[in-house]
Amino acid sequence: MEPATTLILTLGAAVIGIAAFSIYTAFGPPSKELRDPYEEHED
């Protein structure tokens, strides 16, 4: 495999992994521990 192809696949896998982790954190079980600063300071 050419170095450029390896680099593209590695970067693509990293971007997909970060996106999947972000979605899991935002909507999965860890989201119960997140706080909403706007909701805390409603007037």
N, C-alpha and C. Protein backbone atom coordinates (compact mmCIF):
# COMPACT_ATOMS: atom_id res chain seq x y z
N MET A 1 0.83 -1.17 0.00
CA MET A 1 0.00 0.00 0.00
C MET A 1 0.89 1.25 0.00
N GLU A 2 0.46 2.25 -0.70
CA GLU A 2 1.24 3.49 -0.77
C GLU A 2 1.12 4.28 0.52
N PRO A 3 2.12 5.06 0.85
CA PRO A 3 2.07 5.85 2.08
C PRO A 3 0.89 6.82 2.13
N ALA A 4 0.52 7.40 0.99
CA ALA A 4 -0.60 8.34 0.97
C ALA A 4 -1.91 7.63 1.33
N THR A 5 -2.09 6.42 0.83
CA THR A 5 -3.29 5.66 1.13
C THR A 5 -3.35 5.30 2.61
N THR A 6 -2.24 4.91 3.17
CA THR A 6 -2.18 4.60 4.59
C THR A 6 -2.50 5.82 5.44
N LEU A 7 -1.97 6.97 5.05
CA LEU A 7 -2.23 8.21 5.77
C LEU A 7 -3.71 8.57 5.71
N ILE A 8 -4.31 8.47 4.55
CA ILE A 8 -5.73 8.80 4.39
C ILE A 8 -6.59 7.85 5.22
N LEU A 9 -6.29 6.57 5.19
CA LEU A 9 -7.07 5.61 5.98
C LEU A 9 -6.91 5.86 7.48
N THR A 10 -5.71 6.19 7.92
CA THR A 10 -5.48 6.46 9.33
C THR A 10 -6.22 7.71 9.78
N LEU A 11 -6.13 8.78 9.00
CA LEU A 11 -6.84 10.00 9.35
C LEU A 11 -8.36 9.81 9.31
N GLY A 12 -8.83 9.08 8.33
CA GLY A 12 -10.26 8.79 8.24
C GLY A 12 -10.76 8.00 9.43
N ALA A 13 -9.99 7.00 9.84
CA ALA A 13 -10.38 6.20 11.00
C ALA A 13 -10.37 7.05 12.28
N ALA A 14 -9.40 7.96 12.39
CA ALA A 14 -9.34 8.83 13.56
C ALA A 14 -10.55 9.76 13.60
N VAL A 15 -10.92 10.34 12.47
CA VAL A 15 -12.07 11.25 12.43
C VAL A 15 -13.35 10.50 12.76
N ILE A 16 -13.53 9.32 12.21
CA ILE A 16 -14.72 8.52 12.50
C ILE A 16 -14.76 8.12 13.97
N GLY A 17 -13.61 7.76 14.52
CA GLY A 17 -13.54 7.38 15.94
C GLY A 17 -13.89 8.54 16.86
N ILE A 18 -13.37 9.72 16.56
CA ILE A 18 -13.67 10.90 17.38
C ILE A 18 -15.15 11.26 17.28
N ALA A 19 -15.71 11.19 16.07
CA ALA A 19 -17.13 11.49 15.89
C ALA A 19 -18.00 10.49 16.64
N ALA A 20 -17.65 9.21 16.57
CA ALA A 20 -18.44 8.19 17.27
C ALA A 20 -18.36 8.38 18.78
N PHE A 21 -17.18 8.69 19.29
CA PHE A 21 -17.03 8.93 20.73
C PHE A 21 -17.83 10.15 21.17
N SER A 22 -17.83 11.20 20.36
CA SER A 22 -18.57 12.41 20.68
C SER A 22 -20.08 12.15 20.72
N ILE A 23 -20.57 11.40 19.76
CA ILE A 23 -22.00 11.07 19.74
C ILE A 23 -22.36 10.19 20.94
N TYR A 24 -21.51 9.24 21.27
CA TYR A 24 -21.75 8.38 22.43
C TYR A 24 -21.78 9.21 23.72
N THR A 25 -20.85 10.15 23.84
CA THR A 25 -20.79 10.98 25.04
C THR A 25 -22.01 11.90 25.13
N ALA A 26 -22.46 12.43 23.99
CA ALA A 26 -23.56 13.38 23.99
C ALA A 26 -24.92 12.72 24.20
N PHE A 27 -25.12 11.51 23.68
CA PHE A 27 -26.44 10.90 23.71
C PHE A 27 -26.50 9.58 24.45
N GLY A 28 -25.38 8.99 24.80
CA GLY A 28 -25.36 7.70 25.47
C GLY A 28 -25.47 7.84 26.98
N PRO A 29 -25.16 6.77 27.71
CA PRO A 29 -25.25 6.80 29.17
C PRO A 29 -24.40 7.89 29.84
N PRO A 30 -23.22 8.26 29.32
CA PRO A 30 -22.46 9.33 29.99
C PRO A 30 -23.17 10.69 29.95
N SER A 31 -24.17 10.85 29.09
CA SER A 31 -24.84 12.15 29.00
C SER A 31 -25.62 12.49 30.26
N LYS A 32 -25.90 11.51 31.10
CA LYS A 32 -26.62 11.77 32.35
C LYS A 32 -25.79 12.65 33.28
N GLU A 33 -24.46 12.60 33.16
CA GLU A 33 -23.58 13.36 34.03
C GLU A 33 -23.27 14.76 33.51
N LEU A 34 -23.70 15.06 32.27
CA LEU A 34 -23.43 16.38 31.71
C LEU A 34 -24.36 17.40 32.35
N ARG A 35 -23.88 18.63 32.51
CA ARG A 35 -24.72 19.67 33.05
C ARG A 35 -25.03 20.69 31.96
N ASP A 36 -26.12 21.40 32.11
CA ASP A 36 -26.53 22.41 31.16
C ASP A 36 -26.41 23.77 31.83
N PRO A 37 -25.35 24.54 31.51
CA PRO A 37 -25.16 25.82 32.19
C PRO A 37 -26.29 26.81 31.90
N TYR A 38 -26.94 26.72 30.76
CA TYR A 38 -28.04 27.64 30.46
C TYR A 38 -29.26 27.33 31.32
N GLU A 39 -29.49 26.05 31.59
CA GLU A 39 -30.62 25.67 32.42
C GLU A 39 -30.39 26.06 33.89
N GLU A 40 -29.15 26.06 34.32
CA GLU A 40 -28.83 26.41 35.69
C GLU A 40 -29.06 27.89 35.97
N HIS A 41 -28.94 28.75 34.95
CA HIS A 41 -29.00 30.19 35.15
C HIS A 41 -30.22 30.82 34.50
N GLU A 42 -31.33 30.09 34.43
CA GLU A 42 -32.54 30.66 33.87
C GLU A 42 -33.12 31.70 34.82
N ASP A 43 -33.69 32.74 34.23
CA ASP A 43 -34.29 33.80 35.05
C ASP A 43 -35.79 33.69 35.04
